[in-house]
Amino acid sequence: MDTRPPLQNLPGTGVRVAATLYAVLWVWLGIAPSDRSAWVLENALVAGLVLLLWLVRNSFRFSDVSLYLILAFLALHAVGSHYTYSEVPYDAWFQSLTGHSLNEMLGWQRNHFDRLVHFCYGLLLVYPIREFFLRVVEVRGFWGYFLPLDVTLSTSALYELIEWGAAELFGGDLGMHYLGTQGDVWDAHKDMALAALGALIAVLIIALINKKLQHDPAWEWSHKMKSQAYH
């Protein structure tokens, strides 16, 4: 018996190309990271996420839009784990392109790449989280927007607790690299706030698009996938 999922449940060609490019990027950045131990620790959750997506591929299919957003976030994380988040040389890259220091222009005193990724966690992953709620929990209306925002903030808080636990467990330079506070006692609070801000912006954009279109593409996708599962 052929147990392969129906063709329409497979990601589109563009997503498969994007996933291949991400895999190449991940391997390339994983060959000689700045700190191998920190890289392994940073990628443990990535491995868990990829494994989970693989295990549920036949029972739960994210839309191509969601998969693109997930891959974009993972690509940012791959860069951060290669250099360690507090040492990503984005300011040097900006100077090489413009001749000016981005940090000096904005008055920054620390490396803010980690803050960018926390912001993008909310901005990029709210849509896939919402898609999950629409299909599995079948939420509609207000709850279809609030619950993804709530889950983004709660998982961001959970990640900060994981960071704290890992820093306590491993200690030393590895613990500090993973924690990445750069001397800011409010680092965890700011990270969570930025994730919440990114999620709020994404939710508002989704709501505005849905209002403009006068329908909800994510709900329609979820309904289509659920209908296929019954046949």
C-alpha atoms as a PDB file:
ATOM      1  CA  MET A   1       0.000   0.000   0.000  1.00  0.00           C
ATOM      2  CA  ASP A   2       1.303   3.465  -0.908  1.00  0.00           C
ATOM      3  CA  THR A   3       1.391   5.456   2.338  1.00  0.00           C
ATOM      4  CA  ARG A   4       2.884   8.601   0.826  1.00  0.00           C
ATOM      5  CA  PRO A   5       0.933  11.819   1.436  1.00  0.00           C
ATOM      6  CA  PRO A   6      -1.143  13.174  -1.459  1.00  0.00           C
ATOM      7  CA  LEU A   7       0.754  15.373  -3.882  1.00  0.00           C
ATOM      8  CA  GLN A   8      -1.237  18.457  -2.833  1.00  0.00           C
ATOM      9  CA  ASN A   9       0.051  18.007   0.723  1.00  0.00           C
ATOM     10  CA  LEU A  10       3.654  18.396  -0.377  1.00  0.00           C
ATOM     11  CA  PRO A  11       5.384  21.796  -0.157  1.00  0.00           C
ATOM     12  CA  GLY A  12       5.637  23.749  -3.386  1.00  0.00           C
ATOM     13  CA  THR A  13       8.771  23.822  -5.499  1.00  0.00           C
ATOM     14  CA  GLY A  14       9.734  27.235  -4.139  1.00  0.00           C
ATOM     15  CA  VAL A  15       9.627  25.976  -0.560  1.00  0.00           C
ATOM     16  CA  ARG A  16      11.705  22.922  -1.420  1.00  0.00           C
ATOM     17  CA  VAL A  17      14.303  25.184  -3.054  1.00  0.00           C
ATOM     18  CA  ALA A  18      14.261  27.504  -0.026  1.00  0.00           C
ATOM     19  CA  ALA A  19      14.655  24.528   2.335  1.00  0.00           C
ATOM     20  CA  THR A  20      17.617  23.286   0.291  1.00  0.00           C
ATOM     21  CA  LEU A  21      19.244  26.720   0.409  1.00  0.00           C
ATOM     22  CA  TYR A  22      18.711  26.863   4.160  1.00  0.00           C
ATOM     23  CA  ALA A  23      20.269  23.411   4.572  1.00  0.00           C
ATOM     24  CA  VAL A  24      23.305  24.534   2.554  1.00  0.00           C
ATOM     25  CA  LEU A  25      23.575  27.701   4.664  1.00  0.00           C
ATOM     26  CA  TRP A  26      23.251  25.715   7.892  1.00  0.00           C
ATOM     27  CA  VAL A  27      25.960  23.240   6.873  1.00  0.00           C
ATOM     28  CA  TRP A  28      28.272  26.008   5.655  1.00  0.00           C
ATOM     29  CA  LEU A  29      27.913  28.035   8.853  1.00  0.00           C
ATOM     30  CA  GLY A  30      28.279  24.887  10.930  1.00  0.00           C
ATOM     31  CA  ILE A  31      31.667  23.882   9.478  1.00  0.00           C
ATOM     32  CA  ALA A  32      33.765  26.253  11.557  1.00  0.00           C
ATOM     33  CA  PRO A  33      31.619  28.243  14.029  1.00  0.00           C
ATOM     34  CA  SER A  34      33.193  30.723  16.422  1.00  0.00           C
ATOM     35  CA  ASP A  35      32.443  28.447  19.380  1.00  0.00           C
ATOM     36  CA  ARG A  36      31.612  24.816  18.613  1.00  0.00           C
ATOM     37  CA  SER A  37      30.088  24.087  22.024  1.00  0.00           C
ATOM     38  CA  ALA A  38      27.865  27.178  21.845  1.00  0.00           C
ATOM     39  CA  TRP A  39      26.871  26.236  18.285  1.00  0.00           C
ATOM     40  CA  VAL A  40      25.789  22.755  19.378  1.00  0.00           C
ATOM     41  CA  LEU A  41      23.806  24.191  22.274  1.00  0.00           C
ATOM     42  CA  GLU A  42      22.154  26.839  20.086  1.00  0.00           C
ATOM     43  CA  ASN A  43      21.143  24.237  17.485  1.00  0.00           C
ATOM     44  CA  ALA A  44      19.636  21.718  19.893  1.00  0.00           C
ATOM     45  CA  LEU A  45      16.228  23.402  19.729  1.00  0.00           C
ATOM     46  CA  VAL A  46      16.528  23.757  15.939  1.00  0.00           C
ATOM     47  CA  ALA A  47      17.113  20.025  15.625  1.00  0.00           C
ATOM     48  CA  GLY A  48      14.072  19.403  17.812  1.00  0.00           C
ATOM     49  CA  LEU A  49      11.903  21.692  15.680  1.00  0.00           C
ATOM     50  CA  VAL A  50      13.036  20.134  12.387  1.00  0.00           C
ATOM     51  CA  LEU A  51      12.445  16.647  13.805  1.00  0.00           C
ATOM     52  CA  LEU A  52       8.955  17.638  14.968  1.00  0.00           C
ATOM     53  CA  LEU A  53       8.060  19.102  11.554  1.00  0.00           C
ATOM     54  CA  TRP A  54       9.286  15.905   9.905  1.00  0.00           C
ATOM     55  CA  LEU A  55       7.308  13.625  12.242  1.00  0.00           C
ATOM     56  CA  VAL A  56       4.023  15.483  11.700  1.00  0.00           C
ATOM     57  CA  ARG A  57       4.502  16.063   7.959  1.00  0.00           C
ATOM     58  CA  ASN A  58       1.783  13.555   6.999  1.00  0.00           C
ATOM     59  CA  SER A  59      -0.752  14.651   9.630  1.00  0.00           C
ATOM     60  CA  PHE A  60      -0.193  18.399   9.721  1.00  0.00           C
ATOM     61  CA  ARG A  61       0.880  20.441   6.722  1.00  0.00           C
ATOM     62  CA  PHE A  62       1.825  24.091   7.113  1.00  0.00           C
ATOM     63  CA  SER A  63       1.101  26.353   4.170  1.00  0.00           C
ATOM     64  CA  ASP A  64       3.973  27.456   1.939  1.00  0.00           C
ATOM     65  CA  VAL A  65       3.740  30.950   3.443  1.00  0.00           C
ATOM     66  CA  SER A  66       4.283  29.524   6.935  1.00  0.00           C
ATOM     67  CA  LEU A  67       7.180  27.379   5.768  1.00  0.00           C
ATOM     68  CA  TYR A  68       8.888  30.368   4.139  1.00  0.00           C
ATOM     69  CA  LEU A  69       8.534  32.331   7.389  1.00  0.00           C
ATOM     70  CA  ILE A  70       9.891  29.453   9.481  1.00  0.00           C
ATOM     71  CA  LEU A  71      12.872  29.047   7.136  1.00  0.00           C
ATOM     72  CA  ALA A  72      13.599  32.799   7.265  1.00  0.00           C
ATOM     73  CA  PHE A  73      13.698  32.694  11.055  1.00  0.00           C
ATOM     74  CA  LEU A  74      15.910  29.602  11.077  1.00  0.00           C
ATOM     75  CA  ALA A  75      18.305  31.293   8.641  1.00  0.00           C
ATOM     76  CA  LEU A  76      18.710  34.244  11.032  1.00  0.00           C
ATOM     77  CA  HIS A  77      19.307  31.801  13.868  1.00  0.00           C
ATOM     78  CA  ALA A  78      21.942  29.975  11.799  1.00  0.00           C
ATOM     79  CA  VAL A  79      23.894  33.223  11.452  1.00  0.00           C
ATOM     80  CA  GLY A  80      23.599  33.962  15.171  1.00  0.00           C
ATOM     81  CA  SER A  81      24.720  30.494  16.225  1.00  0.00           C
ATOM     82  CA  HIS A  82      27.719  30.609  13.861  1.00  0.00           C
ATOM     83  CA  TYR A  83      29.208  33.776  15.349  1.00  0.00           C
ATOM     84  CA  THR A  84      27.468  33.539  18.765  1.00  0.00           C
ATOM     85  CA  TYR A  85      24.725  36.132  18.985  1.00  0.00           C
ATOM     86  CA  SER A  86      26.721  38.759  20.843  1.00  0.00           C
ATOM     87  CA  GLU A  87      29.489  38.740  18.211  1.00  0.00           C
ATOM     88  CA  VAL A  88      27.633  38.802  14.866  1.00  0.00           C
ATOM     89  CA  PRO A  89      29.591  41.457  12.901  1.00  0.00           C
ATOM     90  CA  TYR A  90      26.569  43.221  11.412  1.00  0.00           C
ATOM     91  CA  ASP A  91      28.106  46.629  12.199  1.00  0.00           C
ATOM     92  CA  ALA A  92      31.243  45.747  10.203  1.00  0.00           C
ATOM     93  CA  TRP A  93      29.048  44.567   7.324  1.00  0.00           C
ATOM     94  CA  PHE A  94      27.104  47.821   7.415  1.00  0.00           C
ATOM     95  CA  GLN A  95      30.316  49.871   7.469  1.00  0.00           C
ATOM     96  CA  SER A  96      31.698  47.986   4.476  1.00  0.00           C
ATOM     97  CA  LEU A  97      28.555  48.864   2.514  1.00  0.00           C
ATOM     98  CA  THR A  98      27.974  52.445   3.647  1.00  0.00           C
ATOM     99  CA  GLY A  99      31.204  53.630   5.256  1.00  0.00           C
ATOM    100  CA  HIS A 100      29.297  54.395   8.467  1.00  0.00           C
ATOM    101  CA  SER A 101      28.757  52.574  11.739  1.00  0.00           C
ATOM    102  CA  LEU A 102      25.141  51.542  12.306  1.00  0.00           C
ATOM    103  CA  ASN A 103      25.709  51.336  16.063  1.00  0.00           C
ATOM    104  CA  GLU A 104      27.088  54.881  16.158  1.00  0.00           C
ATOM    105  CA  MET A 105      24.264  56.207  14.005  1.00  0.00           C
ATOM    106  CA  LEU A 106      21.656  54.721  16.339  1.00  0.00           C
ATOM    107  CA  GLY A 107      23.590  55.321  19.563  1.00  0.00           C
ATOM    108  CA  TRP A 108      23.853  51.641  20.402  1.00  0.00           C
ATOM    109  CA  GLN A 109      26.427  50.491  22.931  1.00  0.00           C
ATOM    110  CA  ARG A 110      26.012  46.719  22.442  1.00  0.00           C
ATOM    111  CA  ASN A 111      25.566  44.129  19.712  1.00  0.00           C
ATOM    112  CA  HIS A 112      21.840  44.029  18.926  1.00  0.00           C
ATOM    113  CA  PHE A 113      21.646  41.022  16.605  1.00  0.00           C
ATOM    114  CA  ASP A 114      20.045  38.941  19.365  1.00  0.00           C
ATOM    115  CA  ARG A 115      17.372  41.603  19.799  1.00  0.00           C
ATOM    116  CA  LEU A 116      16.665  41.477  16.050  1.00  0.00           C
ATOM    117  CA  VAL A 117      16.160  37.713  16.187  1.00  0.00           C
ATOM    118  CA  HIS A 118      13.846  37.927  19.207  1.00  0.00           C
ATOM    119  CA  PHE A 119      11.806  40.559  17.360  1.00  0.00           C
ATOM    120  CA  CYS A 120      11.712  38.353  14.256  1.00  0.00           C
ATOM    121  CA  TYR A 121      10.608  35.393  16.374  1.00  0.00           C
ATOM    122  CA  GLY A 122       7.350  37.207  16.952  1.00  0.00           C
ATOM    123  CA  LEU A 123       7.154  38.863  13.538  1.00  0.00           C
ATOM    124  CA  LEU A 124       7.826  35.726  11.489  1.00  0.00           C
ATOM    125  CA  LEU A 125       6.351  32.901  13.553  1.00  0.00           C
ATOM    126  CA  VAL A 126       2.967  34.324  14.536  1.00  0.00           C
ATOM    127  CA  TYR A 127       1.516  33.336  11.154  1.00  0.00           C
ATOM    128  CA  PRO A 128       2.478  29.629  11.434  1.00  0.00           C
ATOM    129  CA  ILE A 129       1.348  29.580  15.085  1.00  0.00           C
ATOM    130  CA  ARG A 130      -1.976  31.107  14.065  1.00  0.00           C
ATOM    131  CA  GLU A 131      -2.323  28.554  11.277  1.00  0.00           C
ATOM    132  CA  PHE A 132      -1.876  25.791  13.857  1.00  0.00           C
ATOM    133  CA  PHE A 133      -4.582  27.247  16.101  1.00  0.00           C
ATOM    134  CA  LEU A 134      -7.011  27.714  13.219  1.00  0.00           C
ATOM    135  CA  ARG A 135      -6.712  24.103  12.169  1.00  0.00           C
ATOM    136  CA  VAL A 136      -6.195  22.159  15.415  1.00  0.00           C
ATOM    137  CA  VAL A 137      -8.130  24.258  17.934  1.00  0.00           C
ATOM    138  CA  GLU A 138     -10.506  25.731  15.325  1.00  0.00           C
ATOM    139  CA  VAL A 139     -10.450  29.206  16.872  1.00  0.00           C
ATOM    140  CA  ARG A 140     -12.104  32.060  15.017  1.00  0.00           C
ATOM    141  CA  GLY A 141     -12.472  35.814  15.358  1.00  0.00           C
ATOM    142  CA  PHE A 142     -10.696  37.541  18.245  1.00  0.00           C
ATOM    143  CA  TRP A 143      -9.145  34.330  19.591  1.00  0.00           C
ATOM    144  CA  GLY A 144      -7.592  33.583  16.216  1.00  0.00           C
ATOM    145  CA  TYR A 145      -5.488  36.697  16.699  1.00  0.00           C
ATOM    146  CA  PHE A 146      -5.019  36.817  20.469  1.00  0.00           C
ATOM    147  CA  LEU A 147      -3.930  33.224  21.094  1.00  0.00           C
ATOM    148  CA  PRO A 148      -0.968  33.306  18.630  1.00  0.00           C
ATOM    149  CA  LEU A 149       0.171  36.537  20.305  1.00  0.00           C
ATOM    150  CA  ASP A 150      -0.203  34.934  23.738  1.00  0.00           C
ATOM    151  CA  VAL A 151       1.684  31.766  22.724  1.00  0.00           C
ATOM    152  CA  THR A 152       4.501  33.819  21.199  1.00  0.00           C
ATOM    153  CA  LEU A 153       5.000  35.699  24.451  1.00  0.00           C
ATOM    154  CA  SER A 154       4.721  32.578  26.629  1.00  0.00           C
ATOM    155  CA  THR A 155       7.188  30.582  24.508  1.00  0.00           C
ATOM    156  CA  SER A 156       9.549  33.563  24.503  1.00  0.00           C
ATOM    157  CA  ALA A 157       9.416  33.530  28.315  1.00  0.00           C
ATOM    158  CA  LEU A 158       9.973  29.761  28.297  1.00  0.00           C
ATOM    159  CA  TYR A 159      13.064  30.225  26.115  1.00  0.00           C
ATOM    160  CA  GLU A 160      14.472  32.767  28.570  1.00  0.00           C
ATOM    161  CA  LEU A 161      14.025  30.201  31.358  1.00  0.00           C
ATOM    162  CA  ILE A 162      15.812  27.591  29.208  1.00  0.00           C
ATOM    163  CA  GLU A 163      18.662  30.069  28.628  1.00  0.00           C
ATOM    164  CA  TRP A 164      18.947  30.692  32.363  1.00  0.00           C
ATOM    165  CA  GLY A 165      18.957  26.960  33.123  1.00  0.00           C
ATOM    166  CA  ALA A 166      21.587  26.241  30.458  1.00  0.00           C
ATOM    167  CA  ALA A 167      23.800  29.073  31.703  1.00  0.00           C
ATOM    168  CA  GLU A 168      23.562  27.726  35.261  1.00  0.00           C
ATOM    169  CA  LEU A 169      24.213  24.154  34.118  1.00  0.00           C
ATOM    170  CA  PHE A 170      27.178  24.765  31.821  1.00  0.00           C
ATOM    171  CA  GLY A 171      28.605  27.930  33.377  1.00  0.00           C
ATOM    172  CA  GLY A 172      31.813  29.583  32.208  1.00  0.00           C
ATOM    173  CA  ASP A 173      32.197  31.055  28.730  1.00  0.00           C
ATOM    174  CA  LEU A 174      29.734  28.590  27.214  1.00  0.00           C
ATOM    175  CA  GLY A 175      27.003  29.646  29.620  1.00  0.00           C
ATOM    176  CA  MET A 176      27.697  33.343  29.019  1.00  0.00           C
ATOM    177  CA  HIS A 177      27.768  32.923  25.232  1.00  0.00           C
ATOM    178  CA  TYR A 178      24.438  31.116  25.323  1.00  0.00           C
ATOM    179  CA  LEU A 179      22.886  33.635  27.705  1.00  0.00           C
ATOM    180  CA  GLY A 180      24.228  36.611  25.736  1.00  0.00           C
ATOM    181  CA  THR A 181      23.145  39.334  28.166  1.00  0.00           C
ATOM    182  CA  GLN A 182      26.208  41.501  27.386  1.00  0.00           C
ATOM    183  CA  GLY A 183      25.974  42.997  30.862  1.00  0.00           C
ATOM    184  CA  ASP A 184      22.332  44.119  30.537  1.00  0.00           C
ATOM    185  CA  VAL A 185      20.377  43.085  33.652  1.00  0.00           C
ATOM    186  CA  TRP A 186      17.108  43.648  31.759  1.00  0.00           C
ATOM    187  CA  ASP A 187      18.167  41.564  28.746  1.00  0.00           C
ATOM    188  CA  ALA A 188      15.535  38.834  29.199  1.00  0.00           C
ATOM    189  CA  HIS A 189      12.759  41.384  29.711  1.00  0.00           C
ATOM    190  CA  LYS A 190      13.730  43.324  26.585  1.00  0.00           C
ATOM    191  CA  ASP A 191      13.973  40.134  24.534  1.00  0.00           C
ATOM    192  CA  MET A 192      10.451  39.111  25.551  1.00  0.00           C
ATOM    193  CA  ALA A 193       9.133  42.618  24.911  1.00  0.00           C
ATOM    194  CA  LEU A 194      10.614  42.629  21.401  1.00  0.00           C
ATOM    195  CA  ALA A 195       9.152  39.198  20.635  1.00  0.00           C
ATOM    196  CA  ALA A 196       5.753  40.478  21.800  1.00  0.00           C
ATOM    197  CA  LEU A 197       6.141  43.638  19.699  1.00  0.00           C
ATOM    198  CA  GLY A 198       7.034  41.632  16.597  1.00  0.00           C
ATOM    199  CA  ALA A 199       4.053  39.343  17.191  1.00  0.00           C
ATOM    200  CA  LEU A 200       1.708  42.299  17.714  1.00  0.00           C
ATOM    201  CA  ILE A 201       2.852  43.930  14.472  1.00  0.00           C
ATOM    202  CA  ALA A 202       2.390  40.644  12.604  1.00  0.00           C
ATOM    203  CA  VAL A 203      -1.090  40.111  14.043  1.00  0.00           C
ATOM    204  CA  LEU A 204      -2.141  43.630  13.093  1.00  0.00           C
ATOM    205  CA  ILE A 205      -0.789  43.159   9.557  1.00  0.00           C
ATOM    206  CA  ILE A 206      -2.657  39.850   9.215  1.00  0.00           C
ATOM    207  CA  ALA A 207      -5.868  41.435  10.500  1.00  0.00           C
ATOM    208  CA  LEU A 208      -5.558  44.372   8.088  1.00  0.00           C
ATOM    209  CA  ILE A 209      -4.852  42.084   5.121  1.00  0.00           C
ATOM    210  CA  ASN A 210      -7.807  39.859   6.011  1.00  0.00           C
ATOM    211  CA  LYS A 211     -10.053  42.913   6.320  1.00  0.00           C
ATOM    212  CA  LYS A 212      -8.833  44.214   2.963  1.00  0.00           C
ATOM    213  CA  LEU A 213      -9.361  40.836   1.277  1.00  0.00           C
ATOM    214  CA  GLN A 214     -12.626  40.255   3.174  1.00  0.00           C
ATOM    215  CA  HIS A 215     -11.588  36.683   3.818  1.00  0.00           C
ATOM    216  CA  ASP A 216      -8.937  34.809   5.813  1.00  0.00           C
ATOM    217  CA  PRO A 217      -6.454  32.872   3.608  1.00  0.00           C
ATOM    218  CA  ALA A 218      -4.955  31.086   6.633  1.00  0.00           C
ATOM    219  CA  TRP A 219      -8.364  29.828   7.761  1.00  0.00           C
ATOM    220  CA  GLU A 220      -9.219  28.743   4.226  1.00  0.00           C
ATOM    221  CA  TRP A 221      -5.941  26.811   4.012  1.00  0.00           C
ATOM    222  CA  SER A 222      -6.557  25.162   7.370  1.00  0.00           C
ATOM    223  CA  HIS A 223     -10.116  24.255   6.381  1.00  0.00           C
ATOM    224  CA  LYS A 224      -8.857  22.787   3.092  1.00  0.00           C
ATOM    225  CA  MET A 225      -6.249  20.657   4.844  1.00  0.00           C
ATOM    226  CA  LYS A 226      -8.773  19.419   7.385  1.00  0.00           C
ATOM    227  CA  SER A 227     -11.222  18.513   4.619  1.00  0.00           C
ATOM    228  CA  GLN A 228      -8.519  16.517   2.825  1.00  0.00           C
ATOM    229  CA  ALA A 229      -7.699  14.658   6.037  1.00  0.00           C
ATOM    230  CA  TYR A 230     -11.262  13.323   6.159  1.00  0.00           C
ATOM    231  CA  HIS A 231     -11.078  11.904   2.626  1.00  0.00           C
END
